[in-house]
Amino acid sequence: MTNNDAVAIVRRLFLDGFSKNDADVLREVLADDFVLTSAGVMADDDCVQNGSRESLIAGMQHNHRSFSDWHFVLDHVLTDGDHVAVRWTGRGRHTGSFDGEVPTGRDICLQGNSIYRVADGKIAQDWVFSNQTAFRAALGITTIPAPGKGAALVRRFWDEVINAHNPDAADTIMSPEYRQNAQGIEQGPAGFKTFFRDLLSNSQGMRAEIVAVVDTGPVTVSSTEIRFDMPPPGWPEISKIIDVFRNDGERLTEHWDIH
């Protein structure tokens, strides 16, 4: 399967499935053993871990009961092998109760990021992270979960380590057991620092602009634009990436990225 094939499947999920409230489309594009990990994105749950295809369908139907003309726009789509990352926006009018609140009749916007793994022509896995704080505030729901510390840690990583060109600052941000899920980078802060020093020595003027940060508590997603005055071999001058960080409340503990 090509990258274009994987993107087409994900676009069908959003535009023909979610936007049209079509359960048959979801059963067509999602694998039988599909696994969902979300933070209250598609339904009124606080957190779904290892959800199923049917739980995602139930969440979609719940959203269409809560919001008239509920539909999605795909703002950014990135691919890396069998993974597709999407920054999306959902919109609708608040005409039904989402979580016990009185409908406001206002136009509502929910933004988030999803990472999908595609296998054998089907979506096998889905990790979803959304801006629940702004979304629930717009609905007038006062029981908004307190934001975690992940966003602050991730912003420190980009500002104090990457933009400051200071690999050693990672020691105060990363756990000693920090796990890096990327080829060619050794584990722990030491592995990251070796990689980053090599990157800096082979480039000039590296800088990162944070486009958005979504904090779900234990997991934080950042959308970032990376620029170089002179990029290292094999890198473009400008690239847009999505990074997923896990944290324990005090330090970053794990990282995935997709370009």
Protein backbone atom coordinates (compact mmCIF):
# COMPACT_ATOMS: atom_id res chain seq x y z
CA MET A 1 0.00 0.00 0.00
CA THR A 2 1.32 3.45 -0.94
CA ASN A 3 1.21 6.57 1.22
CA ASN A 4 -1.54 7.92 -1.06
CA ASP A 5 -3.63 4.80 -0.48
CA ALA A 6 -3.29 5.16 3.30
CA VAL A 7 -4.23 8.85 3.15
CA ALA A 8 -7.27 8.05 0.99
CA ILE A 9 -8.52 5.58 3.61
CA VAL A 10 -8.14 8.13 6.41
CA ARG A 11 -9.85 10.84 4.34
CA ARG A 12 -12.76 8.46 3.71
CA LEU A 13 -13.01 7.82 7.45
CA PHE A 14 -13.42 11.55 8.17
CA LEU A 15 -15.30 12.87 5.14
CA ASP A 16 -17.59 9.93 4.28
CA GLY A 17 -17.78 8.31 7.72
CA PHE A 18 -17.55 10.79 10.59
CA SER A 19 -19.00 13.78 8.70
CA LYS A 20 -21.95 11.81 7.31
CA ASN A 21 -22.59 9.70 10.43
CA ASP A 22 -22.21 6.56 8.31
CA ALA A 23 -21.46 3.51 10.44
CA ASP A 24 -21.11 1.32 7.34
CA VAL A 25 -18.14 3.39 6.17
CA LEU A 26 -16.44 2.94 9.54
CA ARG A 27 -17.01 -0.82 9.41
CA GLU A 28 -15.51 -0.79 5.90
CA VAL A 29 -12.31 1.17 6.63
CA LEU A 30 -11.61 0.03 10.21
CA ALA A 31 -10.17 -3.42 10.88
CA ASP A 32 -12.22 -5.95 12.86
CA ASP A 33 -9.63 -5.81 15.65
CA PHE A 34 -9.26 -2.01 15.44
CA VAL A 35 -7.90 -0.44 18.65
CA LEU A 36 -8.77 3.11 19.75
CA THR A 37 -6.89 5.15 22.33
CA SER A 38 -8.48 8.56 22.93
CA ALA A 39 -8.97 11.28 25.50
CA GLY A 40 -12.70 11.93 25.32
CA VAL A 41 -12.68 13.03 21.71
CA MET A 42 -15.56 11.20 20.09
CA ALA A 43 -17.96 10.72 23.01
CA ASP A 44 -18.64 11.98 26.50
CA ASP A 45 -16.11 9.67 28.10
CA ASP A 46 -13.19 11.00 30.11
CA CYS A 47 -10.79 8.53 28.51
CA VAL A 48 -11.10 5.51 26.25
CA GLN A 49 -8.20 3.07 26.40
CA ASN A 50 -8.19 0.19 23.95
CA GLY A 51 -11.59 1.11 22.56
CA SER A 52 -13.07 -0.82 19.64
CA ARG A 53 -14.56 -0.08 16.25
CA GLU A 54 -18.04 -0.15 17.79
CA SER A 55 -17.06 2.30 20.55
CA LEU A 56 -15.82 4.73 17.88
CA ILE A 57 -19.08 4.34 15.98
CA ALA A 58 -21.02 5.01 19.19
CA GLY A 59 -18.96 8.16 19.77
CA MET A 60 -19.61 9.38 16.23
CA GLN A 61 -23.36 8.86 16.64
CA HIS A 62 -23.27 10.65 20.00
CA ASN A 63 -21.64 13.68 18.40
CA HIS A 64 -24.30 13.84 15.68
CA ARG A 65 -27.03 13.71 18.35
CA SER A 66 -25.34 16.58 20.19
CA PHE A 67 -24.40 18.80 17.22
CA SER A 68 -26.39 19.46 14.06
CA ASP A 69 -24.38 19.48 10.81
CA TRP A 70 -21.42 17.87 12.61
CA HIS A 71 -18.59 17.61 10.08
CA PHE A 72 -14.80 17.62 9.77
CA VAL A 73 -12.15 19.53 7.87
CA LEU A 74 -8.66 18.04 7.54
CA ASP A 75 -6.21 20.87 8.19
CA HIS A 76 -2.94 18.94 7.78
CA VAL A 77 -2.20 15.36 6.71
CA LEU A 78 1.28 13.82 7.10
CA THR A 79 2.43 10.28 6.32
CA ASP A 80 5.33 8.11 7.43
CA GLY A 81 5.27 4.53 6.18
CA ASP A 82 2.14 2.83 7.49
CA HIS A 83 1.25 5.78 9.77
CA VAL A 84 -0.92 8.79 8.87
CA ALA A 85 -1.11 11.87 11.11
CA VAL A 86 -4.01 14.30 10.79
CA ARG A 87 -4.68 17.68 12.34
CA TRP A 88 -8.44 18.07 12.11
CA THR A 89 -11.28 20.45 12.98
CA GLY A 90 -14.81 19.33 13.82
CA ARG A 91 -17.68 21.81 13.64
CA GLY A 92 -21.40 21.78 14.38
CA ARG A 93 -24.22 23.60 16.15
CA HIS A 94 -24.83 22.72 19.79
CA THR A 95 -28.50 21.64 19.55
CA GLY A 96 -28.37 18.55 21.80
CA SER A 97 -26.82 17.75 25.17
CA PHE A 98 -23.26 16.41 24.98
CA ASP A 99 -22.61 15.80 28.69
CA GLY A 100 -25.80 16.71 30.55
CA GLU A 101 -25.59 20.44 29.79
CA VAL A 102 -28.36 22.59 28.31
CA PRO A 103 -27.76 23.10 24.54
CA THR A 104 -26.51 26.61 23.77
CA GLY A 105 -27.43 26.76 20.09
CA ARG A 106 -23.94 28.10 19.38
CA ASP A 107 -21.59 26.98 16.63
CA ILE A 108 -18.95 24.76 18.25
CA CYS A 109 -15.41 23.91 17.14
CA LEU A 110 -13.28 20.98 18.31
CA GLN A 111 -9.66 20.68 17.14
CA GLY A 112 -7.25 17.82 17.61
CA ASN A 113 -4.65 15.45 16.22
CA SER A 114 -5.00 11.78 15.30
CA ILE A 115 -2.36 9.24 14.37
CA TYR A 116 -3.49 6.16 12.45
CA ARG A 117 -1.71 2.90 11.65
CA VAL A 118 -2.88 1.31 8.41
CA ALA A 119 -2.38 -2.40 7.73
CA ASP A 120 -3.74 -4.62 4.92
CA GLY A 121 -5.90 -1.84 3.55
CA LYS A 122 -7.63 -1.11 6.87
CA ILE A 123 -7.07 1.28 9.77
CA ALA A 124 -5.77 -0.94 12.56
CA GLN A 125 -5.01 1.57 15.30
CA ASP A 126 -5.91 5.13 16.24
CA TRP A 127 -4.43 7.53 18.84
CA VAL A 128 -6.53 10.69 19.31
CA PHE A 129 -5.75 13.88 21.24
CA SER A 130 -7.97 16.97 21.29
CA ASN A 131 -8.40 20.38 22.87
CA GLN A 132 -11.02 19.32 25.39
CA THR A 133 -10.56 22.38 27.63
CA ALA A 134 -11.68 24.91 25.00
CA PHE A 135 -14.34 22.54 23.65
CA ARG A 136 -16.03 21.90 26.99
CA ALA A 137 -15.79 25.57 27.95
CA ALA A 138 -17.65 26.49 24.76
CA LEU A 139 -20.42 24.06 25.75
CA GLY A 140 -20.73 25.71 29.15
CA ILE A 141 -19.59 22.59 31.00
CA THR A 142 -17.91 23.71 34.21
CA THR A 143 -16.42 20.38 35.22
CA ILE A 144 -13.38 20.79 33.00
CA PRO A 145 -10.46 18.54 33.96
CA ALA A 146 -7.44 20.43 35.19
CA PRO A 147 -4.76 20.52 32.48
CA GLY A 148 -1.74 18.34 33.07
CA LYS A 149 1.90 19.36 33.16
CA GLY A 150 2.67 17.86 29.78
CA ALA A 151 2.23 21.06 27.76
CA ALA A 152 4.69 22.96 29.93
CA LEU A 153 7.26 20.16 29.67
CA VAL A 154 6.89 19.96 25.89
CA ARG A 155 7.19 23.73 25.47
CA ARG A 156 10.31 23.66 27.65
CA PHE A 157 11.75 20.93 25.43
CA TRP A 158 11.30 23.01 22.29
CA ASP A 159 12.43 26.30 23.87
CA GLU A 160 15.17 25.29 26.32
CA VAL A 161 16.65 22.38 24.36
CA ILE A 162 15.94 22.77 20.65
CA ASN A 163 15.75 26.54 20.15
CA ALA A 164 18.47 27.21 22.73
CA HIS A 165 20.70 24.58 21.05
CA ASN A 166 21.39 23.21 24.52
CA PRO A 167 21.40 19.38 24.58
CA ASP A 168 22.29 19.25 28.30
CA ALA A 169 19.00 20.97 29.21
CA ALA A 170 17.33 17.66 28.34
CA ASP A 171 18.59 16.22 31.64
CA THR A 172 16.10 18.36 33.59
CA ILE A 173 13.18 17.64 31.25
CA MET A 174 13.59 13.95 30.38
CA SER A 175 13.29 11.00 32.72
CA PRO A 176 16.44 8.88 33.10
CA GLU A 177 14.34 6.04 31.58
CA TYR A 178 13.26 8.24 28.63
CA ARG A 179 12.28 6.01 25.69
CA GLN A 180 12.73 7.16 22.09
CA ASN A 181 10.64 5.38 19.43
CA ALA A 182 12.71 6.32 16.40
CA GLN A 183 15.35 4.49 14.43
CA GLY A 184 18.93 5.63 14.80
CA ILE A 185 18.53 7.28 18.22
CA GLU A 186 19.72 5.51 21.35
CA GLN A 187 17.54 5.37 24.46
CA GLY A 188 17.63 7.73 27.44
CA PRO A 189 18.61 11.41 27.61
CA ALA A 190 22.18 10.48 26.62
CA GLY A 191 20.98 8.93 23.37
CA PHE A 192 18.91 11.99 22.53
CA LYS A 193 21.78 14.37 23.35
CA THR A 194 24.17 12.47 21.07
CA PHE A 195 21.65 12.65 18.23
CA PHE A 196 20.96 16.37 18.79
CA ARG A 197 24.65 17.30 19.00
CA ASP A 198 25.27 15.52 15.69
CA LEU A 199 22.29 17.33 14.17
CA LEU A 200 23.58 20.71 15.30
CA SER A 201 27.13 20.04 14.10
CA ASN A 202 25.86 19.20 10.61
CA SER A 203 23.49 22.15 10.22
CA GLN A 204 23.13 25.87 10.79
CA GLY A 205 20.36 27.99 12.25
CA MET A 206 18.00 25.27 13.44
CA ARG A 207 14.83 26.61 15.05
CA ALA A 208 11.37 25.30 15.90
CA GLU A 209 8.08 27.17 15.80
CA ILE A 210 5.30 25.57 17.85
CA VAL A 211 2.08 25.62 15.84
CA ALA A 212 -0.12 23.93 18.48
CA VAL A 213 0.09 21.87 21.67
CA VAL A 214 -2.68 19.50 22.81
CA ASP A 215 -2.35 18.29 26.41
CA THR A 216 -4.39 15.30 27.60
CA GLY A 217 -2.53 14.78 30.88
CA PRO A 218 -0.20 11.79 30.49
CA VAL A 219 0.15 12.36 26.74
CA THR A 220 0.90 15.63 24.93
CA VAL A 221 0.96 16.25 21.17
CA SER A 222 2.78 19.14 19.52
CA SER A 223 2.61 20.32 15.92
CA THR A 224 5.87 22.06 15.01
CA GLU A 225 7.55 23.68 12.02
CA ILE A 226 11.31 23.08 11.88
CA ARG A 227 13.54 25.44 9.88
CA PHE A 228 17.24 25.52 9.07
CA ASP A 229 19.42 28.19 7.52
CA MET A 230 21.48 25.25 6.26
CA PRO A 231 19.87 21.86 6.84
CA PRO A 232 21.87 18.70 7.57
CA PRO A 233 22.27 16.17 4.74
CA GLY A 234 18.95 14.59 3.82
CA TRP A 235 16.82 17.18 5.64
CA PRO A 236 14.65 19.86 3.97
CA GLU A 237 15.01 23.53 4.93
CA ILE A 238 11.46 23.52 6.28
CA SER A 239 9.52 20.55 7.64
CA LYS A 240 6.29 20.14 9.58
CA ILE A 241 6.20 17.42 12.21
CA ILE A 242 3.86 16.03 14.83
CA ASP A 243 5.44 14.79 18.08
CA VAL A 244 3.75 12.71 20.75
CA PHE A 245 5.23 12.81 24.26
CA ARG A 246 4.34 10.77 27.33
CA ASN A 247 5.08 12.20 30.79
CA ASP A 248 4.86 11.12 34.42
CA GLY A 249 3.85 14.55 35.69
CA GLU A 250 7.44 15.62 36.31
CA ARG A 251 9.50 14.53 33.29
CA LEU A 252 9.03 13.42 29.69
CA THR A 253 9.18 9.62 29.61
CA GLU A 254 8.55 8.58 25.99
CA HIS A 255 8.45 10.09 22.49
CA TRP A 256 7.13 9.28 19.00
CA ASP A 257 7.27 11.51 15.94
CA ILE A 258 5.92 11.58 12.41
CA HIS A 259 7.20 13.75 9.54
